[in-house]
Amino acid sequence: MQLKLVVVLTAFLALAVLGAVEAAETVPEPADYRAENYRAPVPSTLKGAQVIDTDQAELLAKKDDVIFIDVYPQAPKPPNLPKSTVWRAPKHETMKGAYWLPNVGYGVLNPTFTAYFKDQLTKLTGGDKKKPLVFFCLRDCWMSWNAAKRALEWGHEHVLWFPDGTDGWREWNLPTQMKTPEQ
């Protein structure tokens, strides 16, 4: 009886895992940017971009001409801090050699962040829209998908999306560094 129960539970667990994998692979690409629930399963594709895994990201990170852009958001200054409190924005751990452009992956960008994002892309690429750009955040984070889509719409020709982001990078024990936002 116990063996039967173990077999049934094992089969149930296997089906549940397969169902979760299948569900993650079938997230459709939206027509526009994702503007809510940013930490949710993402599509396996981004039209116009190349989707890469951790193995490919590691190989690309060894090349001098590939620009890695982390779009993880930056925590805002708490509005209720006493006036005498010194606010120091937190640093962020990211892939070694990556640039941190926080808050550019939201579905709707205000004019300040739109200008910041465009200016930083121009600065990082030297104005060359053919330079390879790798966008990432965390696993199951729509912000990197949004940012890569936006770069494509702005005419960047070699956009890569790394959906496993820093989570996948850390799982492979690859080098990281603390960063502050690019200015």
C-alpha atoms as a PDB file:
ATOM      1  CA  MET A   1       0.000   0.000   0.000  1.00  0.00           C
ATOM      2  CA  GLN A   2       2.798   2.456   0.907  1.00  0.00           C
ATOM      3  CA  LEU A   3       4.643   1.713  -2.328  1.00  0.00           C
ATOM      4  CA  LYS A   4       1.484   2.466  -4.333  1.00  0.00           C
ATOM      5  CA  LEU A   5       1.056   5.752  -2.479  1.00  0.00           C
ATOM      6  CA  VAL A   6       4.688   6.712  -3.171  1.00  0.00           C
ATOM      7  CA  VAL A   7       4.276   5.873  -6.878  1.00  0.00           C
ATOM      8  CA  VAL A   8       1.040   7.877  -7.129  1.00  0.00           C
ATOM      9  CA  LEU A   9       2.519  10.876  -5.295  1.00  0.00           C
ATOM     10  CA  THR A  10       5.663  10.761  -7.444  1.00  0.00           C
ATOM     11  CA  ALA A  11       3.588  10.655 -10.616  1.00  0.00           C
ATOM     12  CA  PHE A  12       1.431  13.541  -9.377  1.00  0.00           C
ATOM     13  CA  LEU A  13       4.515  15.626  -8.547  1.00  0.00           C
ATOM     14  CA  ALA A  14       6.062  14.909 -11.961  1.00  0.00           C
ATOM     15  CA  LEU A  15       2.874  16.001 -13.720  1.00  0.00           C
ATOM     16  CA  ALA A  16       2.702  19.156 -11.600  1.00  0.00           C
ATOM     17  CA  VAL A  17       6.311  20.048 -12.467  1.00  0.00           C
ATOM     18  CA  LEU A  18       5.724  19.368 -16.161  1.00  0.00           C
ATOM     19  CA  GLY A  19       2.583  21.486 -16.039  1.00  0.00           C
ATOM     20  CA  ALA A  20       4.481  24.378 -14.452  1.00  0.00           C
ATOM     21  CA  VAL A  21       7.226  24.139 -17.075  1.00  0.00           C
ATOM     22  CA  GLU A  22       4.661  24.017 -19.866  1.00  0.00           C
ATOM     23  CA  ALA A  23       2.793  27.019 -18.406  1.00  0.00           C
ATOM     24  CA  ALA A  24       6.016  29.039 -18.280  1.00  0.00           C
ATOM     25  CA  GLU A  25       6.732  28.225 -21.916  1.00  0.00           C
ATOM     26  CA  THR A  26       3.302  29.283 -23.100  1.00  0.00           C
ATOM     27  CA  VAL A  27       3.170  32.840 -21.740  1.00  0.00           C
ATOM     28  CA  PRO A  28       2.250  34.837 -24.851  1.00  0.00           C
ATOM     29  CA  GLU A  29       4.056  38.009 -25.811  1.00  0.00           C
ATOM     30  CA  PRO A  30       1.779  40.965 -25.191  1.00  0.00           C
ATOM     31  CA  ALA A  31       1.266  43.510 -27.961  1.00  0.00           C
ATOM     32  CA  ASP A  32       2.518  46.295 -25.701  1.00  0.00           C
ATOM     33  CA  TYR A  33       4.629  46.636 -22.562  1.00  0.00           C
ATOM     34  CA  ARG A  34       3.765  44.818 -19.354  1.00  0.00           C
ATOM     35  CA  ALA A  35       2.661  47.518 -16.905  1.00  0.00           C
ATOM     36  CA  GLU A  36       1.783  45.520 -13.774  1.00  0.00           C
ATOM     37  CA  ASN A  37       2.706  42.340 -11.919  1.00  0.00           C
ATOM     38  CA  TYR A  38       6.308  42.584 -13.049  1.00  0.00           C
ATOM     39  CA  ARG A  39       7.379  39.491 -11.071  1.00  0.00           C
ATOM     40  CA  ALA A  40       5.496  36.822 -12.991  1.00  0.00           C
ATOM     41  CA  PRO A  41       6.315  34.193 -15.610  1.00  0.00           C
ATOM     42  CA  VAL A  42       7.596  35.772 -18.815  1.00  0.00           C
ATOM     43  CA  PRO A  43       7.350  34.674 -22.452  1.00  0.00           C
ATOM     44  CA  SER A  44      10.117  32.512 -23.862  1.00  0.00           C
ATOM     45  CA  THR A  45      10.453  34.924 -26.794  1.00  0.00           C
ATOM     46  CA  LEU A  46      10.753  38.603 -27.604  1.00  0.00           C
ATOM     47  CA  LYS A  47      10.068  39.412 -31.244  1.00  0.00           C
ATOM     48  CA  GLY A  48      13.149  40.992 -32.811  1.00  0.00           C
ATOM     49  CA  ALA A  49      15.494  40.028 -29.979  1.00  0.00           C
ATOM     50  CA  GLN A  50      17.668  37.008 -29.355  1.00  0.00           C
ATOM     51  CA  VAL A  51      16.847  35.188 -26.121  1.00  0.00           C
ATOM     52  CA  ILE A  52      19.923  33.813 -24.343  1.00  0.00           C
ATOM     53  CA  ASP A  53      20.524  31.474 -21.423  1.00  0.00           C
ATOM     54  CA  THR A  54      23.184  31.635 -18.721  1.00  0.00           C
ATOM     55  CA  ASP A  55      25.708  29.646 -20.738  1.00  0.00           C
ATOM     56  CA  GLN A  56      25.395  32.079 -23.652  1.00  0.00           C
ATOM     57  CA  ALA A  57      25.463  35.086 -21.311  1.00  0.00           C
ATOM     58  CA  GLU A  58      28.701  33.861 -19.751  1.00  0.00           C
ATOM     59  CA  LEU A  59      30.321  33.530 -23.185  1.00  0.00           C
ATOM     60  CA  LEU A  60      29.094  36.970 -24.272  1.00  0.00           C
ATOM     61  CA  ALA A  61      30.319  38.576 -21.044  1.00  0.00           C
ATOM     62  CA  LYS A  62      33.877  37.684 -22.063  1.00  0.00           C
ATOM     63  CA  LYS A  63      33.598  39.852 -25.180  1.00  0.00           C
ATOM     64  CA  ASP A  64      34.552  43.522 -25.020  1.00  0.00           C
ATOM     65  CA  ASP A  65      31.897  44.759 -27.425  1.00  0.00           C
ATOM     66  CA  VAL A  66      28.809  43.355 -25.656  1.00  0.00           C
ATOM     67  CA  ILE A  67      27.014  45.699 -23.248  1.00  0.00           C
ATOM     68  CA  PHE A  68      25.115  44.142 -20.333  1.00  0.00           C
ATOM     69  CA  ILE A  69      22.335  46.300 -18.900  1.00  0.00           C
ATOM     70  CA  ASP A  70      20.665  45.497 -15.582  1.00  0.00           C
ATOM     71  CA  VAL A  71      17.258  47.182 -15.297  1.00  0.00           C
ATOM     72  CA  TYR A  72      16.461  46.150 -11.725  1.00  0.00           C
ATOM     73  CA  PRO A  73      14.506  49.001 -10.100  1.00  0.00           C
ATOM     74  CA  GLN A  74      15.994  51.223  -7.421  1.00  0.00           C
ATOM     75  CA  ALA A  75      14.157  51.637  -4.153  1.00  0.00           C
ATOM     76  CA  PRO A  76      12.830  55.181  -3.782  1.00  0.00           C
ATOM     77  CA  LYS A  77      13.640  57.379  -0.835  1.00  0.00           C
ATOM     78  CA  PRO A  78      10.971  56.747   1.796  1.00  0.00           C
ATOM     79  CA  PRO A  79       8.653  59.784   1.901  1.00  0.00           C
ATOM     80  CA  ASN A  80       8.246  59.746   5.684  1.00  0.00           C
ATOM     81  CA  LEU A  81      11.901  60.075   6.697  1.00  0.00           C
ATOM     82  CA  PRO A  82      12.580  62.797   9.255  1.00  0.00           C
ATOM     83  CA  LYS A  83      14.336  65.833   7.748  1.00  0.00           C
ATOM     84  CA  SER A  84      17.499  65.128   9.741  1.00  0.00           C
ATOM     85  CA  THR A  85      17.870  61.630   8.240  1.00  0.00           C
ATOM     86  CA  VAL A  86      20.626  61.191   5.693  1.00  0.00           C
ATOM     87  CA  TRP A  87      19.328  59.073   2.800  1.00  0.00           C
ATOM     88  CA  ARG A  88      21.819  56.872   1.022  1.00  0.00           C
ATOM     89  CA  ALA A  89      20.337  55.013  -1.906  1.00  0.00           C
ATOM     90  CA  PRO A  90      21.136  51.314  -1.633  1.00  0.00           C
ATOM     91  CA  LYS A  91      23.732  49.774  -3.906  1.00  0.00           C
ATOM     92  CA  HIS A  92      22.774  46.836  -6.064  1.00  0.00           C
ATOM     93  CA  GLU A  93      24.579  43.544  -6.724  1.00  0.00           C
ATOM     94  CA  THR A  94      24.715  42.700 -10.406  1.00  0.00           C
ATOM     95  CA  MET A  95      26.792  40.831 -12.954  1.00  0.00           C
ATOM     96  CA  LYS A  96      30.419  41.881 -13.038  1.00  0.00           C
ATOM     97  CA  GLY A  97      30.906  44.386 -15.844  1.00  0.00           C
ATOM     98  CA  ALA A  98      27.207  45.221 -16.218  1.00  0.00           C
ATOM     99  CA  TYR A  99      25.709  48.692 -16.161  1.00  0.00           C
ATOM    100  CA  TRP A 100      22.794  49.398 -13.841  1.00  0.00           C
ATOM    101  CA  LEU A 101      20.015  51.492 -15.373  1.00  0.00           C
ATOM    102  CA  PRO A 102      17.296  51.286 -12.707  1.00  0.00           C
ATOM    103  CA  ASN A 103      13.630  51.979 -13.331  1.00  0.00           C
ATOM    104  CA  VAL A 104      13.819  51.870 -17.151  1.00  0.00           C
ATOM    105  CA  GLY A 105      11.927  48.577 -17.363  1.00  0.00           C
ATOM    106  CA  TYR A 106       8.544  49.782 -16.220  1.00  0.00           C
ATOM    107  CA  GLY A 107       5.701  49.462 -18.709  1.00  0.00           C
ATOM    108  CA  VAL A 108       5.110  53.204 -18.660  1.00  0.00           C
ATOM    109  CA  LEU A 109       8.091  55.533 -18.382  1.00  0.00           C
ATOM    110  CA  ASN A 110       7.755  59.168 -17.453  1.00  0.00           C
ATOM    111  CA  PRO A 111       9.684  61.697 -19.601  1.00  0.00           C
ATOM    112  CA  THR A 112      12.585  61.816 -17.113  1.00  0.00           C
ATOM    113  CA  PHE A 113      13.206  58.063 -17.244  1.00  0.00           C
ATOM    114  CA  THR A 114      12.640  57.942 -21.005  1.00  0.00           C
ATOM    115  CA  ALA A 115      15.328  60.608 -21.480  1.00  0.00           C
ATOM    116  CA  TYR A 116      17.635  58.881 -18.981  1.00  0.00           C
ATOM    117  CA  PHE A 117      17.256  55.529 -20.764  1.00  0.00           C
ATOM    118  CA  LYS A 118      17.834  56.991 -24.245  1.00  0.00           C
ATOM    119  CA  ASP A 119      20.813  59.065 -23.050  1.00  0.00           C
ATOM    120  CA  GLN A 120      22.413  56.073 -21.329  1.00  0.00           C
ATOM    121  CA  LEU A 121      21.961  53.834 -24.387  1.00  0.00           C
ATOM    122  CA  THR A 122      23.590  56.504 -26.546  1.00  0.00           C
ATOM    123  CA  LYS A 123      26.430  56.938 -24.045  1.00  0.00           C
ATOM    124  CA  LEU A 124      27.049  53.191 -23.631  1.00  0.00           C
ATOM    125  CA  THR A 125      26.930  52.431 -27.367  1.00  0.00           C
ATOM    126  CA  GLY A 126      28.665  55.590 -28.531  1.00  0.00           C
ATOM    127  CA  GLY A 127      25.567  56.129 -30.682  1.00  0.00           C
ATOM    128  CA  ASP A 128      26.119  52.857 -32.559  1.00  0.00           C
ATOM    129  CA  LYS A 129      22.723  51.131 -32.703  1.00  0.00           C
ATOM    130  CA  LYS A 130      24.377  47.953 -34.016  1.00  0.00           C
ATOM    131  CA  LYS A 131      26.254  47.321 -30.743  1.00  0.00           C
ATOM    132  CA  PRO A 132      25.006  44.208 -28.925  1.00  0.00           C
ATOM    133  CA  LEU A 133      22.911  45.022 -25.849  1.00  0.00           C
ATOM    134  CA  VAL A 134      21.991  42.335 -23.300  1.00  0.00           C
ATOM    135  CA  PHE A 135      19.062  43.261 -21.061  1.00  0.00           C
ATOM    136  CA  PHE A 136      18.402  41.462 -17.796  1.00  0.00           C
ATOM    137  CA  CYS A 137      16.905  41.781 -14.337  1.00  0.00           C
ATOM    138  CA  LEU A 138      15.826  38.797 -12.235  1.00  0.00           C
ATOM    139  CA  ARG A 139      14.207  35.556 -13.363  1.00  0.00           C
ATOM    140  CA  ASP A 140      10.490  36.021 -14.083  1.00  0.00           C
ATOM    141  CA  CYS A 141      10.828  39.786 -14.253  1.00  0.00           C
ATOM    142  CA  TRP A 142       9.049  41.654 -17.019  1.00  0.00           C
ATOM    143  CA  MET A 143      11.225  44.740 -16.615  1.00  0.00           C
ATOM    144  CA  SER A 144      14.042  43.329 -18.720  1.00  0.00           C
ATOM    145  CA  TRP A 145      11.536  42.215 -21.370  1.00  0.00           C
ATOM    146  CA  ASN A 146      10.054  45.733 -21.446  1.00  0.00           C
ATOM    147  CA  ALA A 147      13.462  47.417 -21.638  1.00  0.00           C
ATOM    148  CA  ALA A 148      14.663  45.146 -24.457  1.00  0.00           C
ATOM    149  CA  LYS A 149      11.411  45.716 -26.373  1.00  0.00           C
ATOM    150  CA  ARG A 150      11.807  49.481 -25.936  1.00  0.00           C
ATOM    151  CA  ALA A 151      15.414  49.376 -27.220  1.00  0.00           C
ATOM    152  CA  LEU A 152      14.210  47.484 -30.299  1.00  0.00           C
ATOM    153  CA  GLU A 153      11.518  50.101 -30.900  1.00  0.00           C
ATOM    154  CA  TRP A 154      14.151  52.833 -30.635  1.00  0.00           C
ATOM    155  CA  GLY A 155      16.093  51.223 -33.471  1.00  0.00           C
ATOM    156  CA  HIS A 156      18.737  49.156 -31.701  1.00  0.00           C
ATOM    157  CA  GLU A 157      19.537  46.288 -34.028  1.00  0.00           C
ATOM    158  CA  HIS A 158      21.309  43.717 -31.859  1.00  0.00           C
ATOM    159  CA  VAL A 159      19.177  43.277 -28.761  1.00  0.00           C
ATOM    160  CA  LEU A 160      19.561  40.212 -26.578  1.00  0.00           C
ATOM    161  CA  TRP A 161      17.342  39.308 -23.655  1.00  0.00           C
ATOM    162  CA  PHE A 162      18.631  37.251 -20.734  1.00  0.00           C
ATOM    163  CA  PRO A 163      15.452  36.224 -18.861  1.00  0.00           C
ATOM    164  CA  ASP A 164      17.252  34.312 -16.082  1.00  0.00           C
ATOM    165  CA  GLY A 165      19.207  37.460 -15.208  1.00  0.00           C
ATOM    166  CA  THR A 166      21.145  37.721 -11.981  1.00  0.00           C
ATOM    167  CA  ASP A 167      19.331  34.689 -10.573  1.00  0.00           C
ATOM    168  CA  GLY A 168      20.722  32.453 -13.322  1.00  0.00           C
ATOM    169  CA  TRP A 169      24.100  34.180 -13.102  1.00  0.00           C
ATOM    170  CA  ARG A 170      24.399  33.559  -9.349  1.00  0.00           C
ATOM    171  CA  GLU A 171      23.255  29.941  -9.671  1.00  0.00           C
ATOM    172  CA  TRP A 172      26.338  29.344 -11.810  1.00  0.00           C
ATOM    173  CA  ASN A 173      28.515  31.141  -9.214  1.00  0.00           C
ATOM    174  CA  LEU A 174      29.632  33.692 -11.770  1.00  0.00           C
ATOM    175  CA  PRO A 175      31.239  36.962 -10.628  1.00  0.00           C
ATOM    176  CA  THR A 176      29.101  39.829  -9.379  1.00  0.00           C
ATOM    177  CA  GLN A 177      29.810  43.338  -8.158  1.00  0.00           C
ATOM    178  CA  MET A 178      28.057  46.089  -6.230  1.00  0.00           C
ATOM    179  CA  LYS A 179      26.918  48.985  -8.425  1.00  0.00           C
ATOM    180  CA  THR A 180      25.304  52.349  -8.205  1.00  0.00           C
ATOM    181  CA  PRO A 181      23.116  53.642 -11.037  1.00  0.00           C
ATOM    182  CA  GLU A 182      24.807  54.983 -14.138  1.00  0.00           C
ATOM    183  CA  GLN A 183      24.802  58.773 -14.242  1.00  0.00           C
END
